[in-house]
Amino acid sequence: MKITLKLYASFGCFLPPGSNRNTIELNLDSRRSIHQVLDSYGVPLKEAHLVVVNGVFVCESERDSYQLNEGDVLAVWPAVAGG
């Protein structure tokens, strides 16, 4: 199953080699939850502030049970601050 993983801001360092512009296509051997995918790349789950699948926000309480599907685009941002 192919999905696209996009990690932004400080999360970019968790992408594996071969990523391009904060994005990589992943070939998963089976369906996985959002948290399973993020955890497998070392992304700190508690710091994943904004999580979007195919342009739709997924709240924290649903990230363990939300199963990704073929062709999904998972995009994740940490909390950011500025002023």
C-alpha atoms as a PDB file:
ATOM      1  CA  MET A   1       0.000   0.000   0.000  1.00  0.00           C
ATOM      2  CA  LYS A   2       1.417   3.397  -0.984  1.00  0.00           C
ATOM      3  CA  ILE A   3       0.926   6.572   1.022  1.00  0.00           C
ATOM      4  CA  THR A   4       2.660   9.937   0.995  1.00  0.00           C
ATOM      5  CA  LEU A   5       4.182  11.227   4.231  1.00  0.00           C
ATOM      6  CA  LYS A   6       4.897  14.939   4.638  1.00  0.00           C
ATOM      7  CA  LEU A   7       6.704  16.175   7.736  1.00  0.00           C
ATOM      8  CA  TYR A   8       7.102  19.931   8.143  1.00  0.00           C
ATOM      9  CA  ALA A   9       9.224  22.352  10.189  1.00  0.00           C
ATOM     10  CA  SER A  10      11.383  20.612  12.808  1.00  0.00           C
ATOM     11  CA  PHE A  11       9.820  17.236  11.950  1.00  0.00           C
ATOM     12  CA  GLY A  12      11.657  17.170   8.617  1.00  0.00           C
ATOM     13  CA  CYS A  13      14.646  15.583  10.345  1.00  0.00           C
ATOM     14  CA  PHE A  14      12.619  12.391  10.886  1.00  0.00           C
ATOM     15  CA  LEU A  15      12.171  11.730   7.167  1.00  0.00           C
ATOM     16  CA  PRO A  16      14.305   8.909   5.782  1.00  0.00           C
ATOM     17  CA  PRO A  17      16.935   9.376   3.078  1.00  0.00           C
ATOM     18  CA  GLY A  18      15.374   9.864  -0.327  1.00  0.00           C
ATOM     19  CA  SER A  19      12.806  12.396   0.825  1.00  0.00           C
ATOM     20  CA  ASN A  20      12.296  15.444  -1.326  1.00  0.00           C
ATOM     21  CA  ARG A  21      10.857  18.755  -0.115  1.00  0.00           C
ATOM     22  CA  ASN A  22       9.683  17.289   3.199  1.00  0.00           C
ATOM     23  CA  THR A  23       7.873  14.484   1.377  1.00  0.00           C
ATOM     24  CA  ILE A  24       8.379  10.786   0.790  1.00  0.00           C
ATOM     25  CA  GLU A  25       6.254   8.036  -0.721  1.00  0.00           C
ATOM     26  CA  LEU A  26       6.031   5.004   1.522  1.00  0.00           C
ATOM     27  CA  ASN A  27       5.235   1.428   0.604  1.00  0.00           C
ATOM     28  CA  LEU A  28       3.517  -0.151   3.597  1.00  0.00           C
ATOM     29  CA  ASP A  29       2.979  -3.887   3.814  1.00  0.00           C
ATOM     30  CA  SER A  30      -0.412  -3.425   5.493  1.00  0.00           C
ATOM     31  CA  ARG A  31      -2.845  -0.768   6.669  1.00  0.00           C
ATOM     32  CA  ARG A  32      -1.565   1.238   9.597  1.00  0.00           C
ATOM     33  CA  SER A  33      -2.866   3.907  11.913  1.00  0.00           C
ATOM     34  CA  ILE A  34      -1.511   7.448  11.829  1.00  0.00           C
ATOM     35  CA  HIS A  35       0.322   6.905  15.102  1.00  0.00           C
ATOM     36  CA  GLN A  36       1.849   3.636  13.892  1.00  0.00           C
ATOM     37  CA  VAL A  37       3.327   5.370  10.844  1.00  0.00           C
ATOM     38  CA  LEU A  38       4.622   8.352  12.802  1.00  0.00           C
ATOM     39  CA  ASP A  39       6.036   6.165  15.561  1.00  0.00           C
ATOM     40  CA  SER A  40       7.901   4.008  13.038  1.00  0.00           C
ATOM     41  CA  TYR A  41       9.815   7.121  11.917  1.00  0.00           C
ATOM     42  CA  GLY A  42      10.520   8.361  15.432  1.00  0.00           C
ATOM     43  CA  VAL A  43       8.178  11.337  15.269  1.00  0.00           C
ATOM     44  CA  PRO A  44       7.319  12.355  18.856  1.00  0.00           C
ATOM     45  CA  LEU A  45       3.573  11.735  18.956  1.00  0.00           C
ATOM     46  CA  LYS A  46       2.902  14.235  21.748  1.00  0.00           C
ATOM     47  CA  GLU A  47       4.510  16.981  19.658  1.00  0.00           C
ATOM     48  CA  ALA A  48       2.426  16.300  16.531  1.00  0.00           C
ATOM     49  CA  HIS A  49       0.204  19.358  16.733  1.00  0.00           C
ATOM     50  CA  LEU A  50      -1.462  19.510  13.327  1.00  0.00           C
ATOM     51  CA  VAL A  51      -2.197  16.186  11.599  1.00  0.00           C
ATOM     52  CA  VAL A  52      -3.997  16.201   8.256  1.00  0.00           C
ATOM     53  CA  VAL A  53      -4.999  13.305   5.993  1.00  0.00           C
ATOM     54  CA  ASN A  54      -5.957  14.289   2.455  1.00  0.00           C
ATOM     55  CA  GLY A  55      -6.493  17.867   3.603  1.00  0.00           C
ATOM     56  CA  VAL A  56      -8.753  16.976   6.558  1.00  0.00           C
ATOM     57  CA  PHE A  57      -7.674  17.545  10.176  1.00  0.00           C
ATOM     58  CA  VAL A  58      -7.544  14.417  12.380  1.00  0.00           C
ATOM     59  CA  CYS A  59      -7.901  15.141  16.105  1.00  0.00           C
ATOM     60  CA  GLU A  60      -5.513  13.550  18.576  1.00  0.00           C
ATOM     61  CA  SER A  61      -8.126  11.163  19.999  1.00  0.00           C
ATOM     62  CA  GLU A  62      -8.613   9.544  16.569  1.00  0.00           C
ATOM     63  CA  ARG A  63      -4.967   9.101  15.526  1.00  0.00           C
ATOM     64  CA  ASP A  64      -4.579   5.641  17.080  1.00  0.00           C
ATOM     65  CA  SER A  65      -7.664   4.245  15.364  1.00  0.00           C
ATOM     66  CA  TYR A  66      -7.633   6.127  12.030  1.00  0.00           C
ATOM     67  CA  GLN A  67      -6.471   3.595   9.430  1.00  0.00           C
ATOM     68  CA  LEU A  68      -4.654   4.999   6.408  1.00  0.00           C
ATOM     69  CA  ASN A  69      -5.705   3.835   2.946  1.00  0.00           C
ATOM     70  CA  GLU A  70      -3.977   3.417  -0.404  1.00  0.00           C
ATOM     71  CA  GLY A  71      -3.051   6.808  -1.845  1.00  0.00           C
ATOM     72  CA  ASP A  72      -3.567   8.805   1.356  1.00  0.00           C
ATOM     73  CA  VAL A  73      -1.432  11.866   2.014  1.00  0.00           C
ATOM     74  CA  LEU A  74      -0.458  12.241   5.679  1.00  0.00           C
ATOM     75  CA  ALA A  75       0.906  15.688   6.582  1.00  0.00           C
ATOM     76  CA  VAL A  76       2.155  16.589  10.065  1.00  0.00           C
ATOM     77  CA  TRP A  77       3.362  19.813  11.702  1.00  0.00           C
ATOM     78  CA  PRO A  78       4.724  20.404  15.195  1.00  0.00           C
ATOM     79  CA  ALA A  79       3.439  23.342  17.232  1.00  0.00           C
ATOM     80  CA  VAL A  80       5.117  26.507  16.048  1.00  0.00           C
ATOM     81  CA  ALA A  81       5.562  29.803  17.800  1.00  0.00           C
ATOM     82  CA  GLY A  82       6.488  33.187  16.570  1.00  0.00           C
ATOM     83  CA  GLY A  83       5.961  36.768  17.173  1.00  0.00           C
END
